[in-house]
Amino acid sequence: MIGAVILVVVLLVFPVVVGLGTAMIAAVLGESLHRDARVRNETSELLELNT
């Protein structure tokens, strides 16, 4: 009986953990790529045209 309860809890918690983990990875990757783009393009003349 305890095994069934553990299995149900794992099946309910696992998708949430995977979803939040994926969202965290996407946030970290997006922020790091954004910072890299700012550093690479800080001397670009196109920044003056950006309104």
PDB file of N, CA and C in Angstrom:
ATOM      1  N   MET A   1       0.817  -1.197   0.000  1.00  0.00           N
ATOM      2  CA  MET A   1       0.000   0.000   0.000  1.00  0.00           C
ATOM      3  C   MET A   1       0.860   1.260   0.000  1.00  0.00           C
ATOM      4  N   ILE A   2       1.929   1.246   0.779  1.00  0.00           N
ATOM      5  CA  ILE A   2       2.795   2.428   0.840  1.00  0.00           C
ATOM      6  C   ILE A   2       3.489   2.660  -0.499  1.00  0.00           C
ATOM      7  N   GLY A   3       3.769   1.587  -1.205  1.00  0.00           N
ATOM      8  CA  GLY A   3       4.384   1.718  -2.529  1.00  0.00           C
ATOM      9  C   GLY A   3       3.466   2.418  -3.512  1.00  0.00           C
ATOM     10  N   ALA A   4       2.178   2.118  -3.426  1.00  0.00           N
ATOM     11  CA  ALA A   4       1.214   2.767  -4.319  1.00  0.00           C
ATOM     12  C   ALA A   4       1.115   4.257  -4.021  1.00  0.00           C
ATOM     13  N   VAL A   5       1.151   4.621  -2.759  1.00  0.00           N
ATOM     14  CA  VAL A   5       1.087   6.027  -2.373  1.00  0.00           C
ATOM     15  C   VAL A   5       2.323   6.771  -2.865  1.00  0.00           C
ATOM     16  N   ILE A   6       3.474   6.155  -2.705  1.00  0.00           N
ATOM     17  CA  ILE A   6       4.718   6.778  -3.186  1.00  0.00           C
ATOM     18  C   ILE A   6       4.682   6.937  -4.697  1.00  0.00           C
ATOM     19  N   LEU A   7       4.194   5.951  -5.395  1.00  0.00           N
ATOM     20  CA  LEU A   7       4.096   6.008  -6.853  1.00  0.00           C
ATOM     21  C   LEU A   7       3.169   7.128  -7.293  1.00  0.00           C
ATOM     22  N   VAL A   8       2.037   7.281  -6.641  1.00  0.00           N
ATOM     23  CA  VAL A   8       1.092   8.346  -6.982  1.00  0.00           C
ATOM     24  C   VAL A   8       1.716   9.713  -6.717  1.00  0.00           C
ATOM     25  N   VAL A   9       2.389   9.860  -5.595  1.00  0.00           N
ATOM     26  CA  VAL A   9       3.029  11.142  -5.275  1.00  0.00           C
ATOM     27  C   VAL A   9       4.105  11.475  -6.299  1.00  0.00           C
ATOM     28  N   VAL A  10       4.900  10.496  -6.664  1.00  0.00           N
ATOM     29  CA  VAL A  10       5.947  10.729  -7.665  1.00  0.00           C
ATOM     30  C   VAL A  10       5.326  11.110  -9.003  1.00  0.00           C
ATOM     31  N   LEU A  11       4.271  10.440  -9.403  1.00  0.00           N
ATOM     32  CA  LEU A  11       3.629  10.755 -10.681  1.00  0.00           C
ATOM     33  C   LEU A  11       2.977  12.130 -10.676  1.00  0.00           C
ATOM     34  N   LEU A  12       2.569  12.631  -9.529  1.00  0.00           N
ATOM     35  CA  LEU A  12       1.983  13.955  -9.451  1.00  0.00           C
ATOM     36  C   LEU A  12       3.047  15.055  -9.371  1.00  0.00           C
ATOM     37  N   VAL A  13       4.159  14.765  -8.723  1.00  0.00           N
ATOM     38  CA  VAL A  13       5.196  15.778  -8.504  1.00  0.00           C
ATOM     39  C   VAL A  13       6.162  15.867  -9.688  1.00  0.00           C
ATOM     40  N   PHE A  14       6.446  14.774 -10.340  1.00  0.00           N
ATOM     41  CA  PHE A  14       7.442  14.744 -11.408  1.00  0.00           C
ATOM     42  C   PHE A  14       7.160  15.746 -12.540  1.00  0.00           C
ATOM     43  N   PRO A  15       5.945  15.838 -13.086  1.00  0.00           N
ATOM     44  CA  PRO A  15       5.719  16.813 -14.162  1.00  0.00           C
ATOM     45  C   PRO A  15       5.931  18.262 -13.706  1.00  0.00           C
ATOM     46  N   VAL A  16       5.591  18.557 -12.473  1.00  0.00           N
ATOM     47  CA  VAL A  16       5.791  19.910 -11.962  1.00  0.00           C
ATOM     48  C   VAL A  16       7.285  20.224 -11.859  1.00  0.00           C
ATOM     49  N   VAL A  17       8.051  19.284 -11.339  1.00  0.00           N
ATOM     50  CA  VAL A  17       9.496  19.476 -11.199  1.00  0.00           C
ATOM     51  C   VAL A  17      10.146  19.633 -12.569  1.00  0.00           C
ATOM     52  N   VAL A  18       9.753  18.825 -13.524  1.00  0.00           N
ATOM     53  CA  VAL A  18      10.312  18.921 -14.873  1.00  0.00           C
ATOM     54  C   VAL A  18       9.933  20.253 -15.508  1.00  0.00           C
ATOM     55  N   GLY A  19       8.695  20.677 -15.361  1.00  0.00           N
ATOM     56  CA  GLY A  19       8.263  21.956 -15.935  1.00  0.00           C
ATOM     57  C   GLY A  19       8.994  23.134 -15.333  1.00  0.00           C
ATOM     58  N   LEU A  20       9.125  23.175 -14.030  1.00  0.00           N
ATOM     59  CA  LEU A  20       9.831  24.284 -13.382  1.00  0.00           C
ATOM     60  C   LEU A  20      11.325  24.241 -13.687  1.00  0.00           C
ATOM     61  N   GLY A  21      11.878  23.063 -13.751  1.00  0.00           N
ATOM     62  CA  GLY A  21      13.295  22.941 -14.100  1.00  0.00           C
ATOM     63  C   GLY A  21      13.573  23.435 -15.507  1.00  0.00           C
ATOM     64  N   THR A  22      12.702  23.085 -16.435  1.00  0.00           N
ATOM     65  CA  THR A  22      12.853  23.540 -17.809  1.00  0.00           C
ATOM     66  C   THR A  22      12.702  25.052 -17.901  1.00  0.00           C
ATOM     67  N   ALA A  23      11.751  25.616 -17.165  1.00  0.00           N
ATOM     68  CA  ALA A  23      11.572  27.063 -17.162  1.00  0.00           C
ATOM     69  C   ALA A  23      12.792  27.768 -16.584  1.00  0.00           C
ATOM     70  N   MET A  24      13.391  27.196 -15.558  1.00  0.00           N
ATOM     71  CA  MET A  24      14.579  27.798 -14.965  1.00  0.00           C
ATOM     72  C   MET A  24      15.759  27.736 -15.930  1.00  0.00           C
ATOM     73  N   ILE A  25      15.920  26.624 -16.601  1.00  0.00           N
ATOM     74  CA  ILE A  25      16.999  26.512 -17.585  1.00  0.00           C
ATOM     75  C   ILE A  25      16.801  27.524 -18.704  1.00  0.00           C
ATOM     76  N   ALA A  26      15.573  27.692 -19.173  1.00  0.00           N
ATOM     77  CA  ALA A  26      15.292  28.655 -20.233  1.00  0.00           C
ATOM     78  C   ALA A  26      15.564  30.084 -19.767  1.00  0.00           C
ATOM     79  N   ALA A  27      15.230  30.411 -18.529  1.00  0.00           N
ATOM     80  CA  ALA A  27      15.477  31.754 -18.005  1.00  0.00           C
ATOM     81  C   ALA A  27      16.968  32.044 -17.895  1.00  0.00           C
ATOM     82  N   VAL A  28      17.721  31.090 -17.380  1.00  0.00           N
ATOM     83  CA  VAL A  28      19.173  31.283 -17.235  1.00  0.00           C
ATOM     84  C   VAL A  28      19.833  31.392 -18.606  1.00  0.00           C
ATOM     85  N   LEU A  29      19.452  30.536 -19.526  1.00  0.00           N
ATOM     86  CA  LEU A  29      20.027  30.572 -20.864  1.00  0.00           C
ATOM     87  C   LEU A  29      19.673  31.877 -21.576  1.00  0.00           C
ATOM     88  N   GLY A  30      18.429  32.309 -21.471  1.00  0.00           N
ATOM     89  CA  GLY A  30      18.008  33.555 -22.099  1.00  0.00           C
ATOM     90  C   GLY A  30      18.742  34.757 -21.544  1.00  0.00           C
ATOM     91  N   GLU A  31      18.893  34.822 -20.233  1.00  0.00           N
ATOM     92  CA  GLU A  31      19.598  35.946 -19.620  1.00  0.00           C
ATOM     93  C   GLU A  31      21.069  35.955 -20.010  1.00  0.00           C
ATOM     94  N   SER A  32      21.708  34.793 -20.024  1.00  0.00           N
ATOM     95  CA  SER A  32      23.126  34.752 -20.386  1.00  0.00           C
ATOM     96  C   SER A  32      23.333  35.124 -21.851  1.00  0.00           C
ATOM     97  N   LEU A  33      22.448  34.693 -22.727  1.00  0.00           N
ATOM     98  CA  LEU A  33      22.565  35.074 -24.134  1.00  0.00           C
ATOM     99  C   LEU A  33      22.286  36.555 -24.337  1.00  0.00           C
ATOM    100  N   HIS A  34      21.373  37.118 -23.567  1.00  0.00           N
ATOM    101  CA  HIS A  34      21.083  38.549 -23.659  1.00  0.00           C
ATOM    102  C   HIS A  34      22.285  39.371 -23.210  1.00  0.00           C
ATOM    103  N   ARG A  35      22.916  38.978 -22.117  1.00  0.00           N
ATOM    104  CA  ARG A  35      24.114  39.684 -21.644  1.00  0.00           C
ATOM    105  C   ARG A  35      25.243  39.574 -22.661  1.00  0.00           C
ATOM    106  N   ASP A  36      25.414  38.404 -23.244  1.00  0.00           N
ATOM    107  CA  ASP A  36      26.454  38.217 -24.249  1.00  0.00           C
ATOM    108  C   ASP A  36      26.203  39.114 -25.458  1.00  0.00           C
ATOM    109  N   ALA A  37      24.964  39.221 -25.884  1.00  0.00           N
ATOM    110  CA  ALA A  37      24.632  40.074 -27.028  1.00  0.00           C
ATOM    111  C   ALA A  37      24.903  41.542 -26.717  1.00  0.00           C
ATOM    112  N   ARG A  38      24.590  41.981 -25.493  1.00  0.00           N
ATOM    113  CA  ARG A  38      24.877  43.378 -25.126  1.00  0.00           C
ATOM    114  C   ARG A  38      26.373  43.654 -25.138  1.00  0.00           C
ATOM    115  N   VAL A  39      27.168  42.713 -24.631  1.00  0.00           N
ATOM    116  CA  VAL A  39      28.620  42.905 -24.595  1.00  0.00           C
ATOM    117  C   VAL A  39      29.190  42.923 -26.013  1.00  0.00           C
ATOM    118  N   ARG A  40      28.738  42.028 -26.857  1.00  0.00           N
ATOM    119  CA  ARG A  40      29.270  41.953 -28.217  1.00  0.00           C
ATOM    120  C   ARG A  40      28.902  43.163 -29.070  1.00  0.00           C
ATOM    121  N   ASN A  41      27.747  43.762 -28.799  1.00  0.00           N
ATOM    122  CA  ASN A  41      27.256  44.826 -29.663  1.00  0.00           C
ATOM    123  C   ASN A  41      27.268  46.199 -29.004  1.00  0.00           C
ATOM    124  N   GLU A  42      28.055  46.385 -27.956  1.00  0.00           N
ATOM    125  CA  GLU A  42      28.024  47.669 -27.263  1.00  0.00           C
ATOM    126  C   GLU A  42      28.645  48.793 -28.077  1.00  0.00           C
ATOM    127  N   THR A  43      29.496  48.465 -29.041  1.00  0.00           N
ATOM    128  CA  THR A  43      30.111  49.502 -29.873  1.00  0.00           C
ATOM    129  C   THR A  43      29.446  49.614 -31.239  1.00  0.00           C
ATOM    130  N   SER A  44      28.326  48.992 -31.418  1.00  0.00           N
ATOM    131  CA  SER A  44      27.656  49.001 -32.718  1.00  0.00           C
ATOM    132  C   SER A  44      26.988  50.341 -32.976  1.00  0.00           C
ATOM    133  N   GLU A  45      27.102  50.824 -34.190  1.00  0.00           N
ATOM    134  CA  GLU A  45      26.460  52.079 -34.557  1.00  0.00           C
ATOM    135  C   GLU A  45      24.942  51.897 -34.735  1.00  0.00           C
ATOM    136  N   LEU A  46      24.494  50.659 -34.832  1.00  0.00           N
ATOM    137  CA  LEU A  46      23.064  50.407 -35.008  1.00  0.00           C
ATOM    138  C   LEU A  46      22.281  50.687 -33.734  1.00  0.00           C
ATOM    139  N   LEU A  47      22.958  50.723 -32.582  1.00  0.00           N
ATOM    140  CA  LEU A  47      22.254  50.997 -31.327  1.00  0.00           C
ATOM    141  C   LEU A  47      21.648  52.386 -31.323  1.00  0.00           C
ATOM    142  N   GLU A  48      22.246  53.331 -32.038  1.00  0.00           N
ATOM    143  CA  GLU A  48      21.701  54.686 -32.116  1.00  0.00           C
ATOM    144  C   GLU A  48      20.374  54.706 -32.871  1.00  0.00           C
ATOM    145  N   LEU A  49      20.185  53.770 -33.775  1.00  0.00           N
ATOM    146  CA  LEU A  49      18.956  53.720 -34.570  1.00  0.00           C
ATOM    147  C   LEU A  49      17.824  53.037 -33.825  1.00  0.00           C
ATOM    148  N   ASN A  50      18.147  52.324 -32.767  1.00  0.00           N
ATOM    149  CA  ASN A  50      17.144  51.589 -32.007  1.00  0.00           C
ATOM    150  C   ASN A  50      16.340  52.561 -31.145  1.00  0.00           C
ATOM    151  N   THR A  51      15.035  52.632 -31.410  1.00  0.00           N
ATOM    152  CA  THR A  51      14.208  53.575 -30.637  1.00  0.00           C
ATOM    153  C   THR A  51      13.253  52.841 -29.754  1.00  0.00           C
TER     154      THR A  51
END
